[in-house]
Amino acid sequence: MSVEFTTGIPLSWFLLVSATLFTIGVIGILVKRNAIVILMSIELMLNAANINFVAFSAYYDLPMGQVFAMFSIGLAAAEAAVGLAILLNLNRLKDTVHVDDLNIMRW
């Protein structure tokens, strides 16, 4: 038996979607070797956490989860900007974005 809140959608469905997105993100990080796809997988994982924050915030009728989600969105934007800047510089230096070929940071 599931409890529904203001949207009429059970909380378990939000958690299922969030777990699915998080799993896709983890698989993308573990399987793919393209750095851009890895960054997109990290973004999927952060969005899965945001769905959990907002779902529990609506379920318990507290705004704190939405505040955490907004901070997480800001963090994701900063992470994407810094990650893409690093990838652009590495692409210019090594002519590739595959993580197996990027050994520039080794001693």
PDB file of N, CA and C in Angstrom:
ATOM      1  N   MET A   1       0.835  -1.166   0.000  1.00  0.00           N
ATOM      2  CA  MET A   1       0.000   0.000   0.000  1.00  0.00           C
ATOM      3  C   MET A   1       0.886   1.237   0.000  1.00  0.00           C
ATOM      4  N   SER A   2       0.687   2.114  -0.946  1.00  0.00           N
ATOM      5  CA  SER A   2       1.530   3.292  -1.040  1.00  0.00           C
ATOM      6  C   SER A   2       0.720   4.536  -0.713  1.00  0.00           C
ATOM      7  N   VAL A   3       1.419   5.494  -0.174  1.00  0.00           N
ATOM      8  CA  VAL A   3       0.779   6.751   0.191  1.00  0.00           C
ATOM      9  C   VAL A   3       0.996   7.736  -0.956  1.00  0.00           C
ATOM     10  N   GLU A   4      -0.060   8.368  -1.407  1.00  0.00           N
ATOM     11  CA  GLU A   4       0.043   9.356  -2.462  1.00  0.00           C
ATOM     12  C   GLU A   4       0.043  10.747  -1.857  1.00  0.00           C
ATOM     13  N   PHE A   5       0.769  11.655  -2.476  1.00  0.00           N
ATOM     14  CA  PHE A   5       0.754  13.022  -1.995  1.00  0.00           C
ATOM     15  C   PHE A   5       0.135  13.923  -3.038  1.00  0.00           C
ATOM     16  N   THR A   6       0.394  15.204  -3.026  1.00  0.00           N
ATOM     17  CA  THR A   6      -0.389  16.185  -3.778  1.00  0.00           C
ATOM     18  C   THR A   6      -0.461  15.922  -5.271  1.00  0.00           C
ATOM     19  N   THR A   7       0.509  15.250  -5.871  1.00  0.00           N
ATOM     20  CA  THR A   7       0.460  15.015  -7.309  1.00  0.00           C
ATOM     21  C   THR A   7      -0.410  13.830  -7.677  1.00  0.00           C
ATOM     22  N   GLY A   8      -0.729  12.987  -6.726  1.00  0.00           N
ATOM     23  CA  GLY A   8      -1.512  11.795  -7.018  1.00  0.00           C
ATOM     24  C   GLY A   8      -0.661  10.630  -7.455  1.00  0.00           C
ATOM     25  N   ILE A   9       0.635  10.857  -7.605  1.00  0.00           N
ATOM     26  CA  ILE A   9       1.563   9.799  -8.008  1.00  0.00           C
ATOM     27  C   ILE A   9       2.224   9.254  -6.745  1.00  0.00           C
ATOM     28  N   PRO A  10       2.260   7.951  -6.577  1.00  0.00           N
ATOM     29  CA  PRO A  10       2.877   7.394  -5.364  1.00  0.00           C
ATOM     30  C   PRO A  10       4.371   7.713  -5.281  1.00  0.00           C
ATOM     31  N   LEU A  11       4.851   7.838  -4.065  1.00  0.00           N
ATOM     32  CA  LEU A  11       6.266   8.138  -3.830  1.00  0.00           C
ATOM     33  C   LEU A  11       7.161   7.049  -4.398  1.00  0.00           C
ATOM     34  N   SER A  12       6.708   5.827  -4.387  1.00  0.00           N
ATOM     35  CA  SER A  12       7.523   4.717  -4.880  1.00  0.00           C
ATOM     36  C   SER A  12       7.838   4.854  -6.367  1.00  0.00           C
ATOM     37  N   TRP A  13       6.970   5.482  -7.128  1.00  0.00           N
ATOM     38  CA  TRP A  13       7.242   5.675  -8.560  1.00  0.00           C
ATOM     39  C   TRP A  13       8.370   6.672  -8.755  1.00  0.00           C
ATOM     40  N   PHE A  14       8.364   7.742  -7.959  1.00  0.00           N
ATOM     41  CA  PHE A  14       9.468   8.697  -8.028  1.00  0.00           C
ATOM     42  C   PHE A  14      10.788   8.027  -7.662  1.00  0.00           C
ATOM     43  N   LEU A  15      10.744   7.186  -6.644  1.00  0.00           N
ATOM     44  CA  LEU A  15      11.964   6.488  -6.223  1.00  0.00           C
ATOM     45  C   LEU A  15      12.418   5.492  -7.278  1.00  0.00           C
ATOM     46  N   LEU A  16      11.473   4.869  -7.958  1.00  0.00           N
ATOM     47  CA  LEU A  16      11.821   3.937  -9.031  1.00  0.00           C
ATOM     48  C   LEU A  16      12.484   4.658 -10.204  1.00  0.00           C
ATOM     49  N   VAL A  17      11.928   5.788 -10.596  1.00  0.00           N
ATOM     50  CA  VAL A  17      12.531   6.578 -11.677  1.00  0.00           C
ATOM     51  C   VAL A  17      13.915   7.065 -11.271  1.00  0.00           C
ATOM     52  N   SER A  18      14.044   7.511 -10.041  1.00  0.00           N
ATOM     53  CA  SER A  18      15.330   7.987  -9.546  1.00  0.00           C
ATOM     54  C   SER A  18      16.366   6.871  -9.509  1.00  0.00           C
ATOM     55  N   ALA A  19      15.973   5.705  -9.042  1.00  0.00           N
ATOM     56  CA  ALA A  19      16.901   4.571  -8.994  1.00  0.00           C
ATOM     57  C   ALA A  19      17.304   4.136 -10.402  1.00  0.00           C
ATOM     58  N   THR A  20      16.372   4.195 -11.334  1.00  0.00           N
ATOM     59  CA  THR A  20      16.680   3.835 -12.719  1.00  0.00           C
ATOM     60  C   THR A  20      17.677   4.814 -13.323  1.00  0.00           C
ATOM     61  N   LEU A  21      17.444   6.109 -13.128  1.00  0.00           N
ATOM     62  CA  LEU A  21      18.383   7.112 -13.643  1.00  0.00           C
ATOM     63  C   LEU A  21      19.758   6.958 -13.012  1.00  0.00           C
ATOM     64  N   PHE A  22      19.788   6.708 -11.711  1.00  0.00           N
ATOM     65  CA  PHE A  22      21.074   6.546 -11.029  1.00  0.00           C
ATOM     66  C   PHE A  22      21.810   5.310 -11.550  1.00  0.00           C
ATOM     67  N   THR A  23      21.085   4.230 -11.778  1.00  0.00           N
ATOM     68  CA  THR A  23      21.699   3.012 -12.306  1.00  0.00           C
ATOM     69  C   THR A  23      22.233   3.225 -13.716  1.00  0.00           C
ATOM     70  N   ILE A  24      21.482   3.929 -14.550  1.00  0.00           N
ATOM     71  CA  ILE A  24      21.965   4.234 -15.898  1.00  0.00           C
ATOM     72  C   ILE A  24      23.243   5.074 -15.818  1.00  0.00           C
ATOM     73  N   GLY A  25      23.286   6.027 -14.893  1.00  0.00           N
ATOM     74  CA  GLY A  25      24.480   6.843 -14.720  1.00  0.00           C
ATOM     75  C   GLY A  25      25.685   6.026 -14.274  1.00  0.00           C
ATOM     76  N   VAL A  26      25.483   5.125 -13.328  1.00  0.00           N
ATOM     77  CA  VAL A  26      26.595   4.282 -12.866  1.00  0.00           C
ATOM     78  C   VAL A  26      27.087   3.377 -13.983  1.00  0.00           C
ATOM     79  N   ILE A  27      26.172   2.802 -14.734  1.00  0.00           N
ATOM     80  CA  ILE A  27      26.573   1.944 -15.853  1.00  0.00           C
ATOM     81  C   ILE A  27      27.325   2.760 -16.900  1.00  0.00           C
ATOM     82  N   GLY A  28      26.870   3.979 -17.156  1.00  0.00           N
ATOM     83  CA  GLY A  28      27.555   4.836 -18.112  1.00  0.00           C
ATOM     84  C   GLY A  28      28.973   5.172 -17.685  1.00  0.00           C
ATOM     85  N   ILE A  29      29.180   5.376 -16.392  1.00  0.00           N
ATOM     86  CA  ILE A  29      30.529   5.671 -15.902  1.00  0.00           C
ATOM     87  C   ILE A  29      31.419   4.439 -16.000  1.00  0.00           C
ATOM     88  N   LEU A  30      30.872   3.285 -15.673  1.00  0.00           N
ATOM     89  CA  LEU A  30      31.691   2.072 -15.643  1.00  0.00           C
ATOM     90  C   LEU A  30      31.987   1.505 -17.027  1.00  0.00           C
ATOM     91  N   VAL A  31      31.090   1.705 -17.982  1.00  0.00           N
ATOM     92  CA  VAL A  31      31.219   1.042 -19.276  1.00  0.00           C
ATOM     93  C   VAL A  31      31.857   1.941 -20.331  1.00  0.00           C
ATOM     94  N   LYS A  32      31.457   3.189 -20.388  1.00  0.00           N
ATOM     95  CA  LYS A  32      31.892   4.067 -21.473  1.00  0.00           C
ATOM     96  C   LYS A  32      33.302   4.601 -21.228  1.00  0.00           C
ATOM     97  N   ARG A  33      34.006   4.895 -22.310  1.00  0.00           N
ATOM     98  CA  ARG A  33      35.364   5.429 -22.234  1.00  0.00           C
ATOM     99  C   ARG A  33      35.459   6.837 -22.796  1.00  0.00           C
ATOM    100  N   ASN A  34      34.346   7.397 -23.259  1.00  0.00           N
ATOM    101  CA  ASN A  34      34.340   8.758 -23.756  1.00  0.00           C
ATOM    102  C   ASN A  34      34.102   9.697 -22.573  1.00  0.00           C
ATOM    103  N   ALA A  35      34.969  10.685 -22.412  1.00  0.00           N
ATOM    104  CA  ALA A  35      34.878  11.561 -21.247  1.00  0.00           C
ATOM    105  C   ALA A  35      33.597  12.381 -21.246  1.00  0.00           C
ATOM    106  N   ILE A  36      33.082  12.741 -22.393  1.00  0.00           N
ATOM    107  CA  ILE A  36      31.847  13.515 -22.451  1.00  0.00           C
ATOM    108  C   ILE A  36      30.671  12.660 -21.990  1.00  0.00           C
ATOM    109  N   VAL A  37      30.655  11.400 -22.371  1.00  0.00           N
ATOM    110  CA  VAL A  37      29.587  10.495 -21.925  1.00  0.00           C
ATOM    111  C   VAL A  37      29.695  10.264 -20.414  1.00  0.00           C
ATOM    112  N   ILE A  38      30.904  10.212 -19.899  1.00  0.00           N
ATOM    113  CA  ILE A  38      31.089  10.054 -18.450  1.00  0.00           C
ATOM    114  C   ILE A  38      30.552  11.276 -17.715  1.00  0.00           C
ATOM    115  N   LEU A  39      30.807  12.472 -18.233  1.00  0.00           N
ATOM    116  CA  LEU A  39      30.253  13.684 -17.617  1.00  0.00           C
ATOM    117  C   LEU A  39      28.718  13.678 -17.672  1.00  0.00           C
ATOM    118  N   MET A  40      28.157  13.227 -18.778  1.00  0.00           N
ATOM    119  CA  MET A  40      26.696  13.146 -18.872  1.00  0.00           C
ATOM    120  C   MET A  40      26.146  12.115 -17.881  1.00  0.00           C
ATOM    121  N   SER A  41      26.879  11.046 -17.649  1.00  0.00           N
ATOM    122  CA  SER A  41      26.441  10.038 -16.680  1.00  0.00           C
ATOM    123  C   SER A  41      26.466  10.601 -15.263  1.00  0.00           C
ATOM    124  N   ILE A  42      27.464  11.416 -14.960  1.00  0.00           N
ATOM    125  CA  ILE A  42      27.505  12.074 -13.644  1.00  0.00           C
ATOM    126  C   ILE A  42      26.316  13.009 -13.488  1.00  0.00           C
ATOM    127  N   GLU A  43      25.963  13.713 -14.554  1.00  0.00           N
ATOM    128  CA  GLU A  43      24.793  14.588 -14.515  1.00  0.00           C
ATOM    129  C   GLU A  43      23.511  13.784 -14.280  1.00  0.00           C
ATOM    130  N   LEU A  44      23.408  12.602 -14.879  1.00  0.00           N
ATOM    131  CA  LEU A  44      22.239  11.748 -14.634  1.00  0.00           C
ATOM    132  C   LEU A  44      22.152  11.344 -13.167  1.00  0.00           C
ATOM    133  N   MET A  45      23.289  11.023 -12.582  1.00  0.00           N
ATOM    134  CA  MET A  45      23.295  10.633 -11.178  1.00  0.00           C
ATOM    135  C   MET A  45      22.889  11.807 -10.277  1.00  0.00           C
ATOM    136  N   LEU A  46      23.375  13.006 -10.592  1.00  0.00           N
ATOM    137  CA  LEU A  46      22.973  14.177  -9.811  1.00  0.00           C
ATOM    138  C   LEU A  46      21.481  14.468  -9.970  1.00  0.00           C
ATOM    139  N   ASN A  47      20.955  14.286 -11.179  1.00  0.00           N
ATOM    140  CA  ASN A  47      19.522  14.501 -11.388  1.00  0.00           C
ATOM    141  C   ASN A  47      18.679  13.459 -10.662  1.00  0.00           C
ATOM    142  N   ALA A  48      19.185  12.244 -10.548  1.00  0.00           N
ATOM    143  CA  ALA A  48      18.471  11.224  -9.770  1.00  0.00           C
ATOM    144  C   ALA A  48      18.388  11.632  -8.303  1.00  0.00           C
ATOM    145  N   ALA A  49      19.474  12.182  -7.786  1.00  0.00           N
ATOM    146  CA  ALA A  49      19.445  12.674  -6.403  1.00  0.00           C
ATOM    147  C   ALA A  49      18.478  13.841  -6.264  1.00  0.00           C
ATOM    148  N   ASN A  50      18.419  14.714  -7.267  1.00  0.00           N
ATOM    149  CA  ASN A  50      17.480  15.842  -7.224  1.00  0.00           C
ATOM    150  C   ASN A  50      16.032  15.359  -7.213  1.00  0.00           C
ATOM    151  N   ILE A  51      15.741  14.328  -7.971  1.00  0.00           N
ATOM    152  CA  ILE A  51      14.380  13.780  -7.963  1.00  0.00           C
ATOM    153  C   ILE A  51      14.032  13.264  -6.574  1.00  0.00           C
ATOM    154  N   ASN A  52      14.983  12.604  -5.921  1.00  0.00           N
ATOM    155  CA  ASN A  52      14.735  12.135  -4.553  1.00  0.00           C
ATOM    156  C   ASN A  52      14.507  13.300  -3.596  1.00  0.00           C
ATOM    157  N   PHE A  53      15.349  14.338  -3.710  1.00  0.00           N
ATOM    158  CA  PHE A  53      15.179  15.506  -2.842  1.00  0.00           C
ATOM    159  C   PHE A  53      13.787  16.113  -2.988  1.00  0.00           C
ATOM    160  N   VAL A  54      13.374  16.332  -4.221  1.00  0.00           N
ATOM    161  CA  VAL A  54      12.091  16.989  -4.460  1.00  0.00           C
ATOM    162  C   VAL A  54      10.922  16.071  -4.097  1.00  0.00           C
ATOM    163  N   ALA A  55      11.056  14.785  -4.376  1.00  0.00           N
ATOM    164  CA  ALA A  55       9.967  13.851  -4.047  1.00  0.00           C
ATOM    165  C   ALA A  55       9.746  13.773  -2.540  1.00  0.00           C
ATOM    166  N   PHE A  56      10.822  13.650  -1.782  1.00  0.00           N
ATOM    167  CA  PHE A  56      10.653  13.582  -0.322  1.00  0.00           C
ATOM    168  C   PHE A  56      10.244  14.929   0.252  1.00  0.00           C
ATOM    169  N   SER A  57      10.669  16.005  -0.383  1.00  0.00           N
ATOM    170  CA  SER A  57      10.233  17.332   0.053  1.00  0.00           C
ATOM    171  C   SER A  57       8.731  17.488  -0.113  1.00  0.00           C
ATOM    172  N   ALA A  58       8.193  17.030  -1.238  1.00  0.00           N
ATOM    173  CA  ALA A  58       6.750  17.109  -1.454  1.00  0.00           C
ATOM    174  C   ALA A  58       6.004  16.110  -0.561  1.00  0.00           C
ATOM    175  N   TYR A  59       6.610  14.953  -0.328  1.00  0.00           N
ATOM    176  CA  TYR A  59       5.948  13.921   0.480  1.00  0.00           C
ATOM    177  C   TYR A  59       5.790  14.372   1.932  1.00  0.00           C
ATOM    178  N   TYR A  60       6.848  14.961   2.493  1.00  0.00           N
ATOM    179  CA  TYR A  60       6.802  15.408   3.881  1.00  0.00           C
ATOM    180  C   TYR A  60       6.362  16.860   4.019  1.00  0.00           C
ATOM    181  N   ASP A  61       6.081  17.518   2.886  1.00  0.00           N
ATOM    182  CA  ASP A  61       5.604  18.898   2.877  1.00  0.00           C
ATOM    183  C   ASP A  61       6.594  19.841   3.573  1.00  0.00           C
ATOM    184  N   LEU A  62       7.876  19.654   3.269  1.00  0.00           N
ATOM    185  CA  LEU A  62       8.937  20.510   3.783  1.00  0.00           C
ATOM    186  C   LEU A  62       9.721  21.091   2.605  1.00  0.00           C
ATOM    187  N   PRO A  63      10.106  22.349   2.664  1.00  0.00           N
ATOM    188  CA  PRO A  63      10.817  22.953   1.527  1.00  0.00           C
ATOM    189  C   PRO A  63      12.312  22.628   1.488  1.00  0.00           C
ATOM    190  N   MET A  64      12.838  21.959   2.491  1.00  0.00           N
ATOM    191  CA  MET A  64      14.286  21.746   2.573  1.00  0.00           C
ATOM    192  C   MET A  64      14.821  20.902   1.412  1.00  0.00           C
ATOM    193  N   GLY A  65      14.082  19.929   0.963  1.00  0.00           N
ATOM    194  CA  GLY A  65      14.522  19.110  -0.162  1.00  0.00           C
ATOM    195  C   GLY A  65      14.630  19.910  -1.442  1.00  0.00           C
ATOM    196  N   GLN A  66      13.723  20.849  -1.632  1.00  0.00           N
ATOM    197  CA  GLN A  66      13.792  21.698  -2.822  1.00  0.00           C
ATOM    198  C   GLN A  66      14.974  22.644  -2.745  1.00  0.00           C
ATOM    199  N   VAL A  67      15.316  23.104  -1.546  1.00  0.00           N
ATOM    200  CA  VAL A  67      16.504  23.945  -1.373  1.00  0.00           C
ATOM    201  C   VAL A  67      17.758  23.140  -1.699  1.00  0.00           C
ATOM    202  N   PHE A  68      17.840  21.922  -1.211  1.00  0.00           N
ATOM    203  CA  PHE A  68      18.984  21.063  -1.536  1.00  0.00           C
ATOM    204  C   PHE A  68      19.067  20.800  -3.033  1.00  0.00           C
ATOM    205  N   ALA A  69      17.924  20.606  -3.670  1.00  0.00           N
ATOM    206  CA  ALA A  69      17.910  20.368  -5.116  1.00  0.00           C
ATOM    207  C   ALA A  69      18.427  21.588  -5.870  1.00  0.00           C
ATOM    208  N   MET A  70      18.065  22.783  -5.431  1.00  0.00           N
ATOM    209  CA  MET A  70      18.563  23.988  -6.096  1.00  0.00           C
ATOM    210  C   MET A  70      20.076  24.116  -5.940  1.00  0.00           C
ATOM    211  N   PHE A  71      20.601  23.825  -4.761  1.00  0.00           N
ATOM    212  CA  PHE A  71      22.055  23.838  -4.581  1.00  0.00           C
ATOM    213  C   PHE A  71      22.723  22.778  -5.440  1.00  0.00           C
ATOM    214  N   SER A  72      22.097  21.624  -5.543  1.00  0.00           N
ATOM    215  CA  SER A  72      22.650  20.554  -6.358  1.00  0.00           C
ATOM    216  C   SER A  72      22.647  20.916  -7.840  1.00  0.00           C
ATOM    217  N   ILE A  73      21.620  21.624  -8.297  1.00  0.00           N
ATOM    218  CA  ILE A  73      21.576  22.070  -9.689  1.00  0.00           C
ATOM    219  C   ILE A  73      22.694  23.077  -9.948  1.00  0.00           C
ATOM    220  N   GLY A  74      22.925  23.984  -9.008  1.00  0.00           N
ATOM    221  CA  GLY A  74      24.035  24.922  -9.135  1.00  0.00           C
ATOM    222  C   GLY A  74      25.374  24.225  -9.150  1.00  0.00           C
ATOM    223  N   LEU A  75      25.527  23.215  -8.305  1.00  0.00           N
ATOM    224  CA  LEU A  75      26.746  22.425  -8.285  1.00  0.00           C
ATOM    225  C   LEU A  75      26.940  21.678  -9.598  1.00  0.00           C
ATOM    226  N   ALA A  76      25.872  21.147 -10.155  1.00  0.00           N
ATOM    227  CA  ALA A  76      25.955  20.431 -11.431  1.00  0.00           C
ATOM    228  C   ALA A  76      26.342  21.367 -12.566  1.00  0.00           C
ATOM    229  N   ALA A  77      25.831  22.598 -12.540  1.00  0.00           N
ATOM    230  CA  ALA A  77      26.194  23.562 -13.579  1.00  0.00           C
ATOM    231  C   ALA A  77      27.668  23.918 -13.484  1.00  0.00           C
ATOM    232  N   ALA A  78      28.164  24.116 -12.283  1.00  0.00           N
ATOM    233  CA  ALA A  78      29.584  24.426 -12.110  1.00  0.00           C
ATOM    234  C   ALA A  78      30.450  23.239 -12.513  1.00  0.00           C
ATOM    235  N   GLU A  79      30.017  22.049 -12.156  1.00  0.00           N
ATOM    236  CA  GLU A  79      30.773  20.845 -12.523  1.00  0.00           C
ATOM    237  C   GLU A  79      30.823  20.665 -14.028  1.00  0.00           C
ATOM    238  N   ALA A  80      29.723  20.935 -14.695  1.00  0.00           N
ATOM    239  CA  ALA A  80      29.692  20.799 -16.153  1.00  0.00           C
ATOM    240  C   ALA A  80      30.596  21.834 -16.813  1.00  0.00           C
ATOM    241  N   ALA A  81      30.575  23.050 -16.310  1.00  0.00           N
ATOM    242  CA  ALA A  81      31.413  24.099 -16.900  1.00  0.00           C
ATOM    243  C   ALA A  81      32.897  23.788 -16.723  1.00  0.00           C
ATOM    244  N   VAL A  82      33.293  23.401 -15.526  1.00  0.00           N
ATOM    245  CA  VAL A  82      34.704  23.091 -15.273  1.00  0.00           C
ATOM    246  C   VAL A  82      35.115  21.824 -16.015  1.00  0.00           C
ATOM    247  N   GLY A  83      34.259  20.821 -16.011  1.00  0.00           N
ATOM    248  CA  GLY A  83      34.582  19.573 -16.712  1.00  0.00           C
ATOM    249  C   GLY A  83      34.724  19.766 -18.211  1.00  0.00           C
ATOM    250  N   LEU A  84      33.826  20.537 -18.806  1.00  0.00           N
ATOM    251  CA  LEU A  84      33.925  20.777 -20.245  1.00  0.00           C
ATOM    252  C   LEU A  84      35.135  21.640 -20.584  1.00  0.00           C
ATOM    253  N   ALA A  85      35.494  22.589 -19.723  1.00  0.00           N
ATOM    254  CA  ALA A  85      36.694  23.388 -19.967  1.00  0.00           C
ATOM    255  C   ALA A  85      37.950  22.519 -19.924  1.00  0.00           C
ATOM    256  N   ILE A  86      38.008  21.612 -18.966  1.00  0.00           N
ATOM    257  CA  ILE A  86      39.158  20.691 -18.891  1.00  0.00           C
ATOM    258  C   ILE A  86      39.190  19.793 -20.120  1.00  0.00           C
ATOM    259  N   LEU A  87      38.029  19.290 -20.528  1.00  0.00           N
ATOM    260  CA  LEU A  87      37.985  18.421 -21.704  1.00  0.00           C
ATOM    261  C   LEU A  87      38.371  19.160 -22.978  1.00  0.00           C
ATOM    262  N   LEU A  88      37.964  20.407 -23.110  1.00  0.00           N
ATOM    263  CA  LEU A  88      38.359  21.179 -24.289  1.00  0.00           C
ATOM    264  C   LEU A  88      39.868  21.377 -24.346  1.00  0.00           C
ATOM    265  N   ASN A  89      40.470  21.664 -23.200  1.00  0.00           N
ATOM    266  CA  ASN A  89      41.930  21.822 -23.169  1.00  0.00           C
ATOM    267  C   ASN A  89      42.639  20.502 -23.456  1.00  0.00           C
ATOM    268  N   LEU A  90      42.135  19.411 -22.907  1.00  0.00           N
ATOM    269  CA  LEU A  90      42.755  18.112 -23.181  1.00  0.00           C
ATOM    270  C   LEU A  90      42.556  17.702 -24.636  1.00  0.00           C
ATOM    271  N   ASN A  91      41.402  18.044 -25.206  1.00  0.00           N
ATOM    272  CA  ASN A  91      41.168  17.731 -26.607  1.00  0.00           C
ATOM    273  C   ASN A  91      42.111  18.527 -27.502  1.00  0.00           C
ATOM    274  N   ARG A  92      42.351  19.771 -27.140  1.00  0.00           N
ATOM    275  CA  ARG A  92      43.275  20.585 -27.923  1.00  0.00           C
ATOM    276  C   ARG A  92      44.709  20.061 -27.791  1.00  0.00           C
ATOM    277  N   LEU A  93      45.046  19.533 -26.616  1.00  0.00           N
ATOM    278  CA  LEU A  93      46.404  19.054 -26.369  1.00  0.00           C
ATOM    279  C   LEU A  93      46.642  17.667 -26.941  1.00  0.00           C
ATOM    280  N   LYS A  94      45.698  16.757 -26.770  1.00  0.00           N
ATOM    281  CA  LYS A  94      45.879  15.351 -27.150  1.00  0.00           C
ATOM    282  C   LYS A  94      45.046  14.910 -28.350  1.00  0.00           C
ATOM    283  N   ASP A  95      44.122  15.730 -28.827  1.00  0.00           N
ATOM    284  CA  ASP A  95      43.248  15.408 -29.956  1.00  0.00           C
ATOM    285  C   ASP A  95      42.354  14.199 -29.708  1.00  0.00           C
ATOM    286  N   THR A  96      41.963  13.980 -28.468  1.00  0.00           N
ATOM    287  CA  THR A  96      41.046  12.892 -28.143  1.00  0.00           C
ATOM    288  C   THR A  96      40.310  13.211 -26.842  1.00  0.00           C
ATOM    289  N   VAL A  97      39.153  12.582 -26.657  1.00  0.00           N
ATOM    290  CA  VAL A  97      38.424  12.706 -25.400  1.00  0.00           C
ATOM    291  C   VAL A  97      38.186  11.335 -24.762  1.00  0.00           C
ATOM    292  N   HIS A  98      38.893  10.322 -25.255  1.00  0.00           N
ATOM    293  CA  HIS A  98      38.778   8.988 -24.671  1.00  0.00           C
ATOM    294  C   HIS A  98      39.670   8.910 -23.444  1.00  0.00           C
ATOM    295  N   VAL A  99      39.115   8.433 -22.341  1.00  0.00           N
ATOM    296  CA  VAL A  99      39.853   8.453 -21.088  1.00  0.00           C
ATOM    297  C   VAL A  99      41.025   7.472 -21.084  1.00  0.00           C
ATOM    298  N   ASP A 100      40.990   6.457 -21.930  1.00  0.00           N
ATOM    299  CA  ASP A 100      42.117   5.526 -22.001  1.00  0.00           C
ATOM    300  C   ASP A 100      43.347   6.188 -22.618  1.00  0.00           C
ATOM    301  N   ASP A 101      43.136   7.155 -23.499  1.00  0.00           N
ATOM    302  CA  ASP A 101      44.238   7.818 -24.177  1.00  0.00           C
ATOM    303  C   ASP A 101      44.759   9.028 -23.418  1.00  0.00           C
ATOM    304  N   LEU A 102      44.066   9.458 -22.385  1.00  0.00           N
ATOM    305  CA  LEU A 102      44.465  10.651 -21.642  1.00  0.00           C
ATOM    306  C   LEU A 102      45.341  10.256 -20.460  1.00  0.00           C
ATOM    307  N   ASN A 103      46.622  10.249 -20.667  1.00  0.00           N
ATOM    308  CA  ASN A 103      47.566   9.933 -19.590  1.00  0.00           C
ATOM    309  C   ASN A 103      48.475  11.104 -19.311  1.00  0.00           C
ATOM    310  N   ILE A 104      48.018  12.320 -19.621  1.00  0.00           N
ATOM    311  CA  ILE A 104      48.834  13.510 -19.467  1.00  0.00           C
ATOM    312  C   ILE A 104      49.125  13.825 -18.001  1.00  0.00           C
ATOM    313  N   MET A 105      48.290  13.386 -17.079  1.00  0.00           N
ATOM    314  CA  MET A 105      48.463  13.725 -15.691  1.00  0.00           C
ATOM    315  C   MET A 105      49.336  12.717 -14.939  1.00  0.00           C
ATOM    316  N   ARG A 106      49.857  11.748 -15.630  1.00  0.00           N
ATOM    317  CA  ARG A 106      50.761  10.786 -14.994  1.00  0.00           C
ATOM    318  C   ARG A 106      52.124  11.415 -14.798  1.00  0.00           C
ATOM    319  N   TRP A 107      52.868  10.905 -13.819  1.00  0.00           N
ATOM    320  CA  TRP A 107      54.206  11.432 -13.554  1.00  0.00           C
ATOM    321  C   TRP A 107      55.165  10.966 -14.577  1.00  0.00           C
TER     322      TRP A 107
END
